[in-house]
Structure formats: structure tokens, C-alpha cells
């Protein structure tokens, strides 16, 4: 199987421009024979690195609220017209596509955003969305928390796909939930470009005996970003996208300090070969000693009796 990993900057504050940017990058990445294309965290909607949204403990500023409004306006509903356009692009590419977005949830009120990953099929179907379970540090100013209902592995004809967003991959039980569903291609979109992130990707590959695709943006220092006056502390993201195999071997990357499309050929038979001596949810597990349960019930803020 041939896969492509897009290491490029997304678009802040402009959903329409972000979707067209996605479509253009997908056309470049989905060369004949490419079966899977992966994009970074928040590729559509943008990762607001360094912005503070006027928030400190105990206080928020009017300017910060206006900046959040712009970020909110640049997010997308799922499903919605933007996801329909993205699905069409996936169909044109003839490939499975996994992409990070900023999701605006309009089902209950208006105001909550999520860091979300979308899965599209080569036939133009939106297969699944996963919402990040726990935003990190100041990300909690701007994104809500997902629930267990989206913590799913997606079976496809090219293998079982599963994604955790950025530091969700530091949550051992979240990883275990994917391993227990037989994930074969573990997708890790991120905003972490530190060299130590490579150790995380390689560890997950060895632990889960699966392929791991790490994908990050490349944003050059000094990139022009219209923030409406608030200046980010840094706009630098070095990238670090890479592909690791079930025995920890590197198939592509890591690539730093440049925009790139990584390509790798992988053999899913390596998953079974890797589990010969280590299967974390099989012969190397001890269910008589350890127990673990996942609540995959959708959580809604209000449940009306008539809906039940």
C-alpha cells in the first residue's frame, strides 16, 4: 500500500480558503496508486500557535473574545458544505483521506469548538469523526472535550484506521482502546515538532505492533498571519512528519524545516509478523490481572424524554 503524508501549514480564520487549500494539497499528494493521504492536526481552521485569546486566570479581554469569534467563524460544521466539498475532493483523488479540522458544534447552542479528525473514503463518503478527548494546556481555552463515542477504529479495505490527536497519544488507555479494536494504521496528527515526539511515534509502533503515521504542519518562522492585532509568541512549527512500522523501523522521515509530501510503501502483513512475539491485547495481555472498560456512550448536555 502506498501512503502520502502532507506536511504543510493550514489556514487560520478562513474556512473557505482552508478547504480549497486542502483540495489543492490533496491533488498534489494523491498521485496514481496512492491509497491513503494524511493531513496534520487542525489543517482546516488552523492551529493558533502562540495566541493567548486575551485569557489569563480570572480574566478575559474583549479583544480576546473578538479573536475567538474569528476562530469560531473559521471552523466548520460536521457534516456541512465544507465536508461535502472535502468528500468530493477525496472521491476525485480516489484515496482514503484523514485530516484534522477545527469543528464547530451547532447542535446544542453556539460556541463550542473541537479539535477533530475526519475520515473520508475514496468514494466520497464521510466515514467517521473523532474529537480530541483532552485538549492540552491553553488549548482548553478554545476547544471542548470529546467523548468515548468517537474513540473508534474504522475498518476499510486498506486496513483498520485509527487516530488520536497530538497528546492524546500520551494517554495509555486511549491507545489501548485503539489496540483493542485491532488498529493496523495508527494516525497521529499533531502540533508537536520537538525531536522527542519521534520517540513517542516509534514507541506506539512497537507497543501496538502497528504502522504509525505522524503528521505535523511546517510553518516557517515569520509567516504572515493576520491575528487582528494579537501577536503570537511564535509561529514556528518545524514539522517532523514520519512513518514507522510495527517493529519500530522508520519507513519515511522524519522531515524537519521544510514543506513536504512524504511517501511510503507499507505491507500490512508486517502487523501479524510483528505480533508473533508481542500482542498487547492478545497473548501478551493479562486480563486476569488487569481490567479496562471504555464508555462509548454519546454524551449530550440535555436529554429530552421524547428523544429517548
C-alpha atoms as a PDB file:
ATOM      1  CA  UNK A   1       0.000   0.000   0.000  1.00  0.00           C
ATOM      2  CA  UNK A   2       1.248   3.466  -0.871  1.00  0.00           C
ATOM      3  CA  UNK A   3       0.568   6.297   1.568  1.00  0.00           C
ATOM      4  CA  UNK A   4       1.249  10.037   1.468  1.00  0.00           C
ATOM      5  CA  UNK A   5       1.709  12.426   4.383  1.00  0.00           C
ATOM      6  CA  UNK A   6       1.184  16.152   3.807  1.00  0.00           C
ATOM      7  CA  UNK A   7       3.477  18.405   5.844  1.00  0.00           C
ATOM      8  CA  UNK A   8       2.254  21.947   5.207  1.00  0.00           C
ATOM      9  CA  UNK A   9       0.643  24.874   7.007  1.00  0.00           C
ATOM     10  CA  UNK A  10      -3.113  25.183   7.314  1.00  0.00           C
ATOM     11  CA  UNK A  11      -5.181  28.362   7.059  1.00  0.00           C
ATOM     12  CA  UNK A  12      -6.298  30.322  10.117  1.00  0.00           C
ATOM     13  CA  UNK A  13      -9.680  32.099  10.381  1.00  0.00           C
ATOM     14  CA  UNK A  14     -10.939  31.272   6.866  1.00  0.00           C
ATOM     15  CA  UNK A  15     -12.848  28.026   6.347  1.00  0.00           C
ATOM     16  CA  UNK A  16     -13.451  28.505   2.615  1.00  0.00           C
ATOM     17  CA  UNK A  17      -9.796  29.234   1.901  1.00  0.00           C
ATOM     18  CA  UNK A  18      -8.777  26.355   4.169  1.00  0.00           C
ATOM     19  CA  UNK A  19     -10.940  23.863   2.284  1.00  0.00           C
ATOM     20  CA  UNK A  20      -9.607  24.975  -1.108  1.00  0.00           C
ATOM     21  CA  UNK A  21      -6.065  24.751   0.267  1.00  0.00           C
ATOM     22  CA  UNK A  22      -6.845  21.212   1.424  1.00  0.00           C
ATOM     23  CA  UNK A  23      -8.187  20.265  -2.007  1.00  0.00           C
ATOM     24  CA  UNK A  24      -5.076  21.615  -3.730  1.00  0.00           C
ATOM     25  CA  UNK A  25      -2.713  19.761  -1.402  1.00  0.00           C
ATOM     26  CA  UNK A  26      -4.755  16.583  -1.801  1.00  0.00           C
ATOM     27  CA  UNK A  27      -4.452  16.788  -5.581  1.00  0.00           C
ATOM     28  CA  UNK A  28      -0.688  17.097  -5.241  1.00  0.00           C
ATOM     29  CA  UNK A  29      -0.404  14.220  -2.769  1.00  0.00           C
ATOM     30  CA  UNK A  30      -2.785  11.730  -4.379  1.00  0.00           C
ATOM     31  CA  UNK A  31      -0.634  10.562  -7.269  1.00  0.00           C
ATOM     32  CA  UNK A  32      -1.756   7.390  -9.113  1.00  0.00           C
ATOM     33  CA  UNK A  33      -1.565   4.411  -6.777  1.00  0.00           C
ATOM     34  CA  UNK A  34      -1.769   6.422  -3.545  1.00  0.00           C
ATOM     35  CA  UNK A  35      -4.345   4.791  -1.288  1.00  0.00           C
ATOM     36  CA  UNK A  36      -4.146   6.910   1.873  1.00  0.00           C
ATOM     37  CA  UNK A  37      -3.393  10.612   2.371  1.00  0.00           C
ATOM     38  CA  UNK A  38      -2.919  12.053   5.869  1.00  0.00           C
ATOM     39  CA  UNK A  39      -3.035  15.726   6.909  1.00  0.00           C
ATOM     40  CA  UNK A  40      -1.976  17.437  10.180  1.00  0.00           C
ATOM     41  CA  UNK A  41      -3.996  18.420  13.230  1.00  0.00           C
ATOM     42  CA  UNK A  42      -6.327  21.389  12.571  1.00  0.00           C
ATOM     43  CA  UNK A  43      -5.278  21.674   8.936  1.00  0.00           C
ATOM     44  CA  UNK A  44      -8.651  23.300   8.273  1.00  0.00           C
ATOM     45  CA  UNK A  45      -9.376  26.002  10.828  1.00  0.00           C
ATOM     46  CA  UNK A  46      -5.727  26.337  11.761  1.00  0.00           C
ATOM     47  CA  UNK A  47      -3.659  25.683  14.851  1.00  0.00           C
ATOM     48  CA  UNK A  48      -3.435  29.060  16.680  1.00  0.00           C
ATOM     49  CA  UNK A  49       0.097  28.585  17.951  1.00  0.00           C
ATOM     50  CA  UNK A  50       1.208  31.271  20.366  1.00  0.00           C
ATOM     51  CA  UNK A  51      -2.110  33.125  20.532  1.00  0.00           C
ATOM     52  CA  UNK A  52      -3.488  33.805  24.003  1.00  0.00           C
ATOM     53  CA  UNK A  53      -7.038  34.967  23.168  1.00  0.00           C
ATOM     54  CA  UNK A  54      -6.747  37.584  25.894  1.00  0.00           C
ATOM     55  CA  UNK A  55      -7.122  34.928  28.578  1.00  0.00           C
ATOM     56  CA  UNK A  56      -5.416  34.771  31.950  1.00  0.00           C
ATOM     57  CA  UNK A  57      -6.595  33.069  35.121  1.00  0.00           C
ATOM     58  CA  UNK A  58      -9.634  35.013  36.314  1.00  0.00           C
ATOM     59  CA  UNK A  59      -9.957  37.387  33.365  1.00  0.00           C
ATOM     60  CA  UNK A  60     -10.727  37.582  29.637  1.00  0.00           C
ATOM     61  CA  UNK A  61     -10.413  40.653  27.435  1.00  0.00           C
ATOM     62  CA  UNK A  62     -12.907  41.967  24.854  1.00  0.00           C
ATOM     63  CA  UNK A  63     -10.149  41.773  22.229  1.00  0.00           C
ATOM     64  CA  UNK A  64      -9.581  38.115  23.063  1.00  0.00           C
ATOM     65  CA  UNK A  65     -13.284  37.384  22.709  1.00  0.00           C
ATOM     66  CA  UNK A  66     -13.287  39.025  19.277  1.00  0.00           C
ATOM     67  CA  UNK A  67     -10.293  36.912  18.263  1.00  0.00           C
ATOM     68  CA  UNK A  68     -12.123  33.785  19.415  1.00  0.00           C
ATOM     69  CA  UNK A  69     -15.119  34.876  17.331  1.00  0.00           C
ATOM     70  CA  UNK A  70     -12.864  34.936  14.260  1.00  0.00           C
ATOM     71  CA  UNK A  71     -11.523  31.498  15.104  1.00  0.00           C
ATOM     72  CA  UNK A  72     -15.073  30.234  15.608  1.00  0.00           C
ATOM     73  CA  UNK A  73     -16.185  31.680  12.273  1.00  0.00           C
ATOM     74  CA  UNK A  74     -13.267  29.909  10.575  1.00  0.00           C
ATOM     75  CA  UNK A  75     -14.314  26.488  11.918  1.00  0.00           C
ATOM     76  CA  UNK A  76     -16.671  24.095  10.118  1.00  0.00           C
ATOM     77  CA  UNK A  77     -19.782  22.092  10.946  1.00  0.00           C
ATOM     78  CA  UNK A  78     -19.734  18.303  10.511  1.00  0.00           C
ATOM     79  CA  UNK A  79     -21.483  17.483   8.297  1.00  0.00           C
ATOM     80  CA  UNK A  80     -21.800  20.671   6.317  1.00  0.00           C
ATOM     81  CA  UNK A  81     -20.996  22.270   2.956  1.00  0.00           C
ATOM     82  CA  UNK A  82     -17.272  22.216   3.674  1.00  0.00           C
ATOM     83  CA  UNK A  83     -17.214  18.499   4.450  1.00  0.00           C
ATOM     84  CA  UNK A  84     -19.254  17.861   1.291  1.00  0.00           C
ATOM     85  CA  UNK A  85     -16.562  19.659  -0.729  1.00  0.00           C
ATOM     86  CA  UNK A  86     -13.834  17.678   1.044  1.00  0.00           C
ATOM     87  CA  UNK A  87     -15.636  14.398   0.354  1.00  0.00           C
ATOM     88  CA  UNK A  88     -15.855  15.343  -3.317  1.00  0.00           C
ATOM     89  CA  UNK A  89     -12.102  16.000  -3.336  1.00  0.00           C
ATOM     90  CA  UNK A  90     -11.426  12.615  -1.733  1.00  0.00           C
ATOM     91  CA  UNK A  91     -13.538  10.969  -4.447  1.00  0.00           C
ATOM     92  CA  UNK A  92     -11.632  12.821  -7.154  1.00  0.00           C
ATOM     93  CA  UNK A  93      -8.362  11.679  -5.562  1.00  0.00           C
ATOM     94  CA  UNK A  94      -9.587   8.096  -5.290  1.00  0.00           C
ATOM     95  CA  UNK A  95      -7.943   7.703  -1.883  1.00  0.00           C
ATOM     96  CA  UNK A  96      -8.796   7.418   1.772  1.00  0.00           C
ATOM     97  CA  UNK A  97      -8.134  10.756   3.483  1.00  0.00           C
ATOM     98  CA  UNK A  98      -7.616  11.527   7.163  1.00  0.00           C
ATOM     99  CA  UNK A  99      -7.481  15.228   8.061  1.00  0.00           C
ATOM    100  CA  UNK A 100      -7.529  17.364  11.185  1.00  0.00           C
ATOM    101  CA  UNK A 101     -10.067  20.187  11.395  1.00  0.00           C
ATOM    102  CA  UNK A 102     -11.482  22.675  13.875  1.00  0.00           C
ATOM    103  CA  UNK A 103     -15.092  21.560  14.306  1.00  0.00           C
ATOM    104  CA  UNK A 104     -17.896  23.920  15.253  1.00  0.00           C
ATOM    105  CA  UNK A 105     -20.716  22.142  17.053  1.00  0.00           C
ATOM    106  CA  UNK A 106     -24.041  23.851  16.315  1.00  0.00           C
ATOM    107  CA  UNK A 107     -26.259  21.028  17.574  1.00  0.00           C
ATOM    108  CA  UNK A 108     -26.573  22.489  21.092  1.00  0.00           C
ATOM    109  CA  UNK A 109     -26.302  26.255  21.126  1.00  0.00           C
ATOM    110  CA  UNK A 110     -23.355  28.001  19.506  1.00  0.00           C
ATOM    111  CA  UNK A 111     -19.904  28.453  20.956  1.00  0.00           C
ATOM    112  CA  UNK A 112     -18.044  25.162  21.459  1.00  0.00           C
ATOM    113  CA  UNK A 113     -15.216  24.081  19.183  1.00  0.00           C
ATOM    114  CA  UNK A 114     -13.418  20.746  18.971  1.00  0.00           C
ATOM    115  CA  UNK A 115     -10.114  19.551  17.589  1.00  0.00           C
ATOM    116  CA  UNK A 116     -11.444  16.831  15.308  1.00  0.00           C
ATOM    117  CA  UNK A 117     -10.164  14.286  12.804  1.00  0.00           C
ATOM    118  CA  UNK A 118     -12.266  13.323   9.780  1.00  0.00           C
ATOM    119  CA  UNK A 119     -12.034  10.137   7.716  1.00  0.00           C
ATOM    120  CA  UNK A 120     -13.124  10.138   4.060  1.00  0.00           C
ATOM    121  CA  UNK A 121     -13.398   7.191   1.677  1.00  0.00           C
ATOM    122  CA  UNK A 122     -12.304   7.056  -1.993  1.00  0.00           C
ATOM    123  CA  UNK A 123     -15.992   7.005  -2.914  1.00  0.00           C
ATOM    124  CA  UNK A 124     -16.612  10.360  -1.248  1.00  0.00           C
ATOM    125  CA  UNK A 125     -18.171   9.173   1.998  1.00  0.00           C
ATOM    126  CA  UNK A 126     -17.521  10.771   5.378  1.00  0.00           C
ATOM    127  CA  UNK A 127     -16.756   7.601   7.325  1.00  0.00           C
ATOM    128  CA  UNK A 128     -16.148   8.874  10.846  1.00  0.00           C
ATOM    129  CA  UNK A 129     -15.070  11.775  13.003  1.00  0.00           C
ATOM    130  CA  UNK A 130     -13.004  11.644  16.176  1.00  0.00           C
ATOM    131  CA  UNK A 131     -12.998  14.503  18.670  1.00  0.00           C
ATOM    132  CA  UNK A 132      -9.899  15.029  20.769  1.00  0.00           C
ATOM    133  CA  UNK A 133     -10.605  13.734  24.268  1.00  0.00           C
ATOM    134  CA  UNK A 134      -8.425  16.171  26.189  1.00  0.00           C
ATOM    135  CA  UNK A 135      -7.055  19.453  24.842  1.00  0.00           C
ATOM    136  CA  UNK A 136      -3.608  20.292  26.184  1.00  0.00           C
ATOM    137  CA  UNK A 137      -2.853  23.250  28.471  1.00  0.00           C
ATOM    138  CA  UNK A 138      -4.071  26.552  26.942  1.00  0.00           C
ATOM    139  CA  UNK A 139      -5.869  24.627  24.169  1.00  0.00           C
ATOM    140  CA  UNK A 140      -8.605  24.224  26.782  1.00  0.00           C
ATOM    141  CA  UNK A 141      -9.455  27.898  26.311  1.00  0.00           C
ATOM    142  CA  UNK A 142     -10.679  27.200  22.805  1.00  0.00           C
ATOM    143  CA  UNK A 143     -11.650  23.516  22.447  1.00  0.00           C
ATOM    144  CA  UNK A 144     -14.094  21.313  24.295  1.00  0.00           C
ATOM    145  CA  UNK A 145     -13.566  17.637  25.165  1.00  0.00           C
ATOM    146  CA  UNK A 146     -14.772  14.756  23.032  1.00  0.00           C
ATOM    147  CA  UNK A 147     -16.394  11.632  24.483  1.00  0.00           C
ATOM    148  CA  UNK A 148     -15.866   7.908  24.086  1.00  0.00           C
ATOM    149  CA  UNK A 149     -18.376   7.582  21.264  1.00  0.00           C
ATOM    150  CA  UNK A 150     -15.798   8.782  18.720  1.00  0.00           C
ATOM    151  CA  UNK A 151     -12.928   6.662  20.050  1.00  0.00           C
ATOM    152  CA  UNK A 152     -13.285   4.218  17.170  1.00  0.00           C
ATOM    153  CA  UNK A 153     -11.175   2.290  14.701  1.00  0.00           C
ATOM    154  CA  UNK A 154     -12.509   2.431  11.141  1.00  0.00           C
ATOM    155  CA  UNK A 155     -12.341  -0.863   9.175  1.00  0.00           C
ATOM    156  CA  UNK A 156     -11.530  -0.297   5.497  1.00  0.00           C
ATOM    157  CA  UNK A 157     -10.313  -2.379   2.588  1.00  0.00           C
ATOM    158  CA  UNK A 158      -6.801  -0.995   3.104  1.00  0.00           C
ATOM    159  CA  UNK A 159      -6.737  -1.857   6.817  1.00  0.00           C
ATOM    160  CA  UNK A 160      -8.122  -0.732  10.155  1.00  0.00           C
ATOM    161  CA  UNK A 161      -7.535   3.011  10.576  1.00  0.00           C
ATOM    162  CA  UNK A 162      -7.480   4.785  13.931  1.00  0.00           C
ATOM    163  CA  UNK A 163      -6.391   8.250  15.021  1.00  0.00           C
ATOM    164  CA  UNK A 164      -5.520  10.009  18.246  1.00  0.00           C
ATOM    165  CA  UNK A 165      -4.795  13.728  18.133  1.00  0.00           C
ATOM    166  CA  UNK A 166      -1.445  15.011  19.367  1.00  0.00           C
ATOM    167  CA  UNK A 167      -1.006  14.399  23.114  1.00  0.00           C
ATOM    168  CA  UNK A 168      -3.934  12.002  23.218  1.00  0.00           C
ATOM    169  CA  UNK A 169      -1.159   9.620  22.218  1.00  0.00           C
ATOM    170  CA  UNK A 170       0.350  10.168  25.679  1.00  0.00           C
ATOM    171  CA  UNK A 171      -2.838   8.689  27.200  1.00  0.00           C
ATOM    172  CA  UNK A 172      -2.075   4.956  27.635  1.00  0.00           C
ATOM    173  CA  UNK A 173      -5.720   3.959  27.973  1.00  0.00           C
ATOM    174  CA  UNK A 174      -6.743   5.853  24.834  1.00  0.00           C
ATOM    175  CA  UNK A 175      -4.063   3.950  22.939  1.00  0.00           C
ATOM    176  CA  UNK A 176      -5.271   0.708  24.489  1.00  0.00           C
ATOM    177  CA  UNK A 177      -8.796   1.417  23.243  1.00  0.00           C
ATOM    178  CA  UNK A 178      -7.471   1.530  19.678  1.00  0.00           C
ATOM    179  CA  UNK A 179      -5.271  -1.547  20.119  1.00  0.00           C
ATOM    180  CA  UNK A 180      -8.291  -3.494  21.398  1.00  0.00           C
ATOM    181  CA  UNK A 181     -10.140  -2.655  18.176  1.00  0.00           C
ATOM    182  CA  UNK A 182      -7.300  -4.051  16.093  1.00  0.00           C
ATOM    183  CA  UNK A 183      -5.848  -0.808  14.740  1.00  0.00           C
ATOM    184  CA  UNK A 184      -3.363  -1.517  11.957  1.00  0.00           C
ATOM    185  CA  UNK A 185      -2.628   2.030  10.786  1.00  0.00           C
ATOM    186  CA  UNK A 186      -2.413   4.387  13.752  1.00  0.00           C
ATOM    187  CA  UNK A 187      -2.592   8.025  12.640  1.00  0.00           C
ATOM    188  CA  UNK A 188      -1.116  10.685  14.904  1.00  0.00           C
ATOM    189  CA  UNK A 189      -1.766  14.226  13.615  1.00  0.00           C
ATOM    190  CA  UNK A 190      -0.006  16.663  15.916  1.00  0.00           C
ATOM    191  CA  UNK A 191       1.281  20.160  16.584  1.00  0.00           C
ATOM    192  CA  UNK A 192       4.371  18.808  18.392  1.00  0.00           C
ATOM    193  CA  UNK A 193       7.545  19.262  16.359  1.00  0.00           C
ATOM    194  CA  UNK A 194      10.021  18.509  19.123  1.00  0.00           C
ATOM    195  CA  UNK A 195      12.555  15.759  18.378  1.00  0.00           C
ATOM    196  CA  UNK A 196      11.262  13.753  21.361  1.00  0.00           C
ATOM    197  CA  UNK A 197       7.919  13.239  19.595  1.00  0.00           C
ATOM    198  CA  UNK A 198       9.674  10.760  17.318  1.00  0.00           C
ATOM    199  CA  UNK A 199      10.312   8.520  20.328  1.00  0.00           C
ATOM    200  CA  UNK A 200       6.572   8.581  21.047  1.00  0.00           C
ATOM    201  CA  UNK A 201       5.678   7.559  17.492  1.00  0.00           C
ATOM    202  CA  UNK A 202       8.241   4.764  17.494  1.00  0.00           C
ATOM    203  CA  UNK A 203       7.131   3.521  20.910  1.00  0.00           C
ATOM    204  CA  UNK A 204       3.486   3.337  19.793  1.00  0.00           C
ATOM    205  CA  UNK A 205       4.503   1.360  16.707  1.00  0.00           C
ATOM    206  CA  UNK A 206       6.362  -1.129  18.896  1.00  0.00           C
ATOM    207  CA  UNK A 207       3.694  -1.238  21.589  1.00  0.00           C
ATOM    208  CA  UNK A 208       0.736  -1.626  19.231  1.00  0.00           C
ATOM    209  CA  UNK A 209       2.618  -3.609  16.579  1.00  0.00           C
ATOM    210  CA  UNK A 210       1.009  -1.324  14.025  1.00  0.00           C
ATOM    211  CA  UNK A 211       2.055   1.252  11.461  1.00  0.00           C
ATOM    212  CA  UNK A 212       2.189   4.770  12.887  1.00  0.00           C
ATOM    213  CA  UNK A 213       1.836   7.878  10.744  1.00  0.00           C
ATOM    214  CA  UNK A 214       2.942  11.101  12.407  1.00  0.00           C
ATOM    215  CA  UNK A 215       1.857  14.271  10.604  1.00  0.00           C
ATOM    216  CA  UNK A 216       2.568  17.880  11.512  1.00  0.00           C
ATOM    217  CA  UNK A 217       2.466  21.292   9.862  1.00  0.00           C
ATOM    218  CA  UNK A 218       5.501  23.148   8.620  1.00  0.00           C
ATOM    219  CA  UNK A 219       5.078  26.843   9.425  1.00  0.00           C
ATOM    220  CA  UNK A 220       8.184  28.956   8.773  1.00  0.00           C
ATOM    221  CA  UNK A 221       9.293  31.489  11.333  1.00  0.00           C
ATOM    222  CA  UNK A 222       7.961  34.906  10.444  1.00  0.00           C
ATOM    223  CA  UNK A 223       4.999  33.588   8.469  1.00  0.00           C
ATOM    224  CA  UNK A 224       2.432  36.317   7.987  1.00  0.00           C
ATOM    225  CA  UNK A 225      -0.714  35.581   9.979  1.00  0.00           C
ATOM    226  CA  UNK A 226      -3.496  38.136  10.347  1.00  0.00           C
ATOM    227  CA  UNK A 227      -4.451  37.880  14.012  1.00  0.00           C
ATOM    228  CA  UNK A 228      -6.333  41.138  14.296  1.00  0.00           C
ATOM    229  CA  UNK A 229      -3.676  42.736  16.459  1.00  0.00           C
ATOM    230  CA  UNK A 230      -2.688  39.992  18.919  1.00  0.00           C
ATOM    231  CA  UNK A 231       0.817  38.866  18.089  1.00  0.00           C
ATOM    232  CA  UNK A 232       1.716  35.210  18.593  1.00  0.00           C
ATOM    233  CA  UNK A 233       4.760  34.423  20.673  1.00  0.00           C
ATOM    234  CA  UNK A 234       5.962  32.200  17.846  1.00  0.00           C
ATOM    235  CA  UNK A 235       4.615  30.982  14.526  1.00  0.00           C
ATOM    236  CA  UNK A 236       7.253  28.286  14.117  1.00  0.00           C
ATOM    237  CA  UNK A 237       6.369  24.654  13.510  1.00  0.00           C
ATOM    238  CA  UNK A 238       9.292  22.583  12.256  1.00  0.00           C
ATOM    239  CA  UNK A 239       7.229  19.613  11.072  1.00  0.00           C
ATOM    240  CA  UNK A 240       8.655  16.198  11.922  1.00  0.00           C
ATOM    241  CA  UNK A 241       6.209  14.039   9.937  1.00  0.00           C
ATOM    242  CA  UNK A 242       7.254  10.392   9.764  1.00  0.00           C
ATOM    243  CA  UNK A 243       6.068   6.826   9.192  1.00  0.00           C
ATOM    244  CA  UNK A 244       7.082   3.924  11.453  1.00  0.00           C
ATOM    245  CA  UNK A 245       6.475   0.206  11.071  1.00  0.00           C
ATOM    246  CA  UNK A 246       5.320  -2.422  13.605  1.00  0.00           C
ATOM    247  CA  UNK A 247       8.876  -3.205  14.721  1.00  0.00           C
ATOM    248  CA  UNK A 248       9.772   0.461  15.118  1.00  0.00           C
ATOM    249  CA  UNK A 249      11.527   0.741  11.775  1.00  0.00           C
ATOM    250  CA  UNK A 250      11.313   4.112  10.011  1.00  0.00           C
ATOM    251  CA  UNK A 251       9.703   3.973   6.554  1.00  0.00           C
ATOM    252  CA  UNK A 252       9.752   7.729   5.850  1.00  0.00           C
ATOM    253  CA  UNK A 253      11.056  10.876   7.516  1.00  0.00           C
ATOM    254  CA  UNK A 254      11.223  12.463   9.904  1.00  0.00           C
ATOM    255  CA  UNK A 255      11.335  15.629   7.818  1.00  0.00           C
ATOM    256  CA  UNK A 256      12.011  18.957   9.515  1.00  0.00           C
ATOM    257  CA  UNK A 257      12.168  22.589   8.406  1.00  0.00           C
ATOM    258  CA  UNK A 258      10.505  22.250   5.021  1.00  0.00           C
ATOM    259  CA  UNK A 259       7.160  21.724   3.390  1.00  0.00           C
ATOM    260  CA  UNK A 260       6.974  18.187   2.086  1.00  0.00           C
ATOM    261  CA  UNK A 261       4.872  15.256   0.966  1.00  0.00           C
ATOM    262  CA  UNK A 262       6.264  12.078   2.488  1.00  0.00           C
ATOM    263  CA  UNK A 263       5.592   8.816   0.714  1.00  0.00           C
ATOM    264  CA  UNK A 264       5.940   5.272   1.982  1.00  0.00           C
ATOM    265  CA  UNK A 265       5.085   1.780   0.788  1.00  0.00           C
ATOM    266  CA  UNK A 266       3.850  -0.426   3.609  1.00  0.00           C
ATOM    267  CA  UNK A 267       2.876  -4.097   3.879  1.00  0.00           C
ATOM    268  CA  UNK A 268       0.048  -4.839   6.332  1.00  0.00           C
ATOM    269  CA  UNK A 269       1.378  -8.393   6.705  1.00  0.00           C
ATOM    270  CA  UNK A 270       4.082  -6.785   8.863  1.00  0.00           C
ATOM    271  CA  UNK A 271       1.413  -6.291  11.550  1.00  0.00           C
ATOM    272  CA  UNK A 272       0.847 -10.030  12.036  1.00  0.00           C
ATOM    273  CA  UNK A 273       4.572 -10.722  11.758  1.00  0.00           C
ATOM    274  CA  UNK A 274       5.224  -8.142  14.466  1.00  0.00           C
ATOM    275  CA  UNK A 275       2.668  -9.689  16.819  1.00  0.00           C
ATOM    276  CA  UNK A 276       4.429 -13.036  16.705  1.00  0.00           C
ATOM    277  CA  UNK A 277       6.252 -12.183  19.921  1.00  0.00           C
ATOM    278  CA  UNK A 278       4.181  -9.279  21.309  1.00  0.00           C
ATOM    279  CA  UNK A 279       0.424  -8.678  21.111  1.00  0.00           C
ATOM    280  CA  UNK A 280      -0.631  -6.149  23.734  1.00  0.00           C
ATOM    281  CA  UNK A 281      -4.301  -7.206  23.638  1.00  0.00           C
ATOM    282  CA  UNK A 282      -3.657 -10.859  22.807  1.00  0.00           C
ATOM    283  CA  UNK A 283      -1.099 -13.329  24.076  1.00  0.00           C
ATOM    284  CA  UNK A 284       0.857 -10.605  25.882  1.00  0.00           C
ATOM    285  CA  UNK A 285      -2.134  -9.368  27.875  1.00  0.00           C
ATOM    286  CA  UNK A 286      -3.179 -10.425  31.376  1.00  0.00           C
ATOM    287  CA  UNK A 287      -6.935  -9.914  31.677  1.00  0.00           C
ATOM    288  CA  UNK A 288      -6.868 -11.970  34.863  1.00  0.00           C
ATOM    289  CA  UNK A 289      -4.756  -9.214  36.447  1.00  0.00           C
ATOM    290  CA  UNK A 290      -5.855  -6.043  34.640  1.00  0.00           C
ATOM    291  CA  UNK A 291      -9.285  -4.787  33.590  1.00  0.00           C
ATOM    292  CA  UNK A 292     -10.203  -1.819  31.436  1.00  0.00           C
ATOM    293  CA  UNK A 293     -13.575  -0.566  30.183  1.00  0.00           C
ATOM    294  CA  UNK A 294     -14.379   2.134  27.626  1.00  0.00           C
ATOM    295  CA  UNK A 295     -17.642   4.070  27.875  1.00  0.00           C
ATOM    296  CA  UNK A 296     -18.574   4.680  24.250  1.00  0.00           C
ATOM    297  CA  UNK A 297     -21.954   6.239  25.035  1.00  0.00           C
ATOM    298  CA  UNK A 298     -22.524   9.577  23.270  1.00  0.00           C
ATOM    299  CA  UNK A 299     -22.720  12.298  25.908  1.00  0.00           C
ATOM    300  CA  UNK A 300     -25.167  15.150  25.361  1.00  0.00           C
ATOM    301  CA  UNK A 301     -25.718  18.100  27.703  1.00  0.00           C
ATOM    302  CA  UNK A 302     -29.502  17.695  27.741  1.00  0.00           C
ATOM    303  CA  UNK A 303     -31.555  14.580  27.034  1.00  0.00           C
ATOM    304  CA  UNK A 304     -35.264  15.069  26.411  1.00  0.00           C
ATOM    305  CA  UNK A 305     -37.597  12.234  27.312  1.00  0.00           C
ATOM    306  CA  UNK A 306     -39.337  12.370  23.931  1.00  0.00           C
ATOM    307  CA  UNK A 307     -35.972  11.754  22.246  1.00  0.00           C
ATOM    308  CA  UNK A 308     -35.498   8.591  24.254  1.00  0.00           C
END
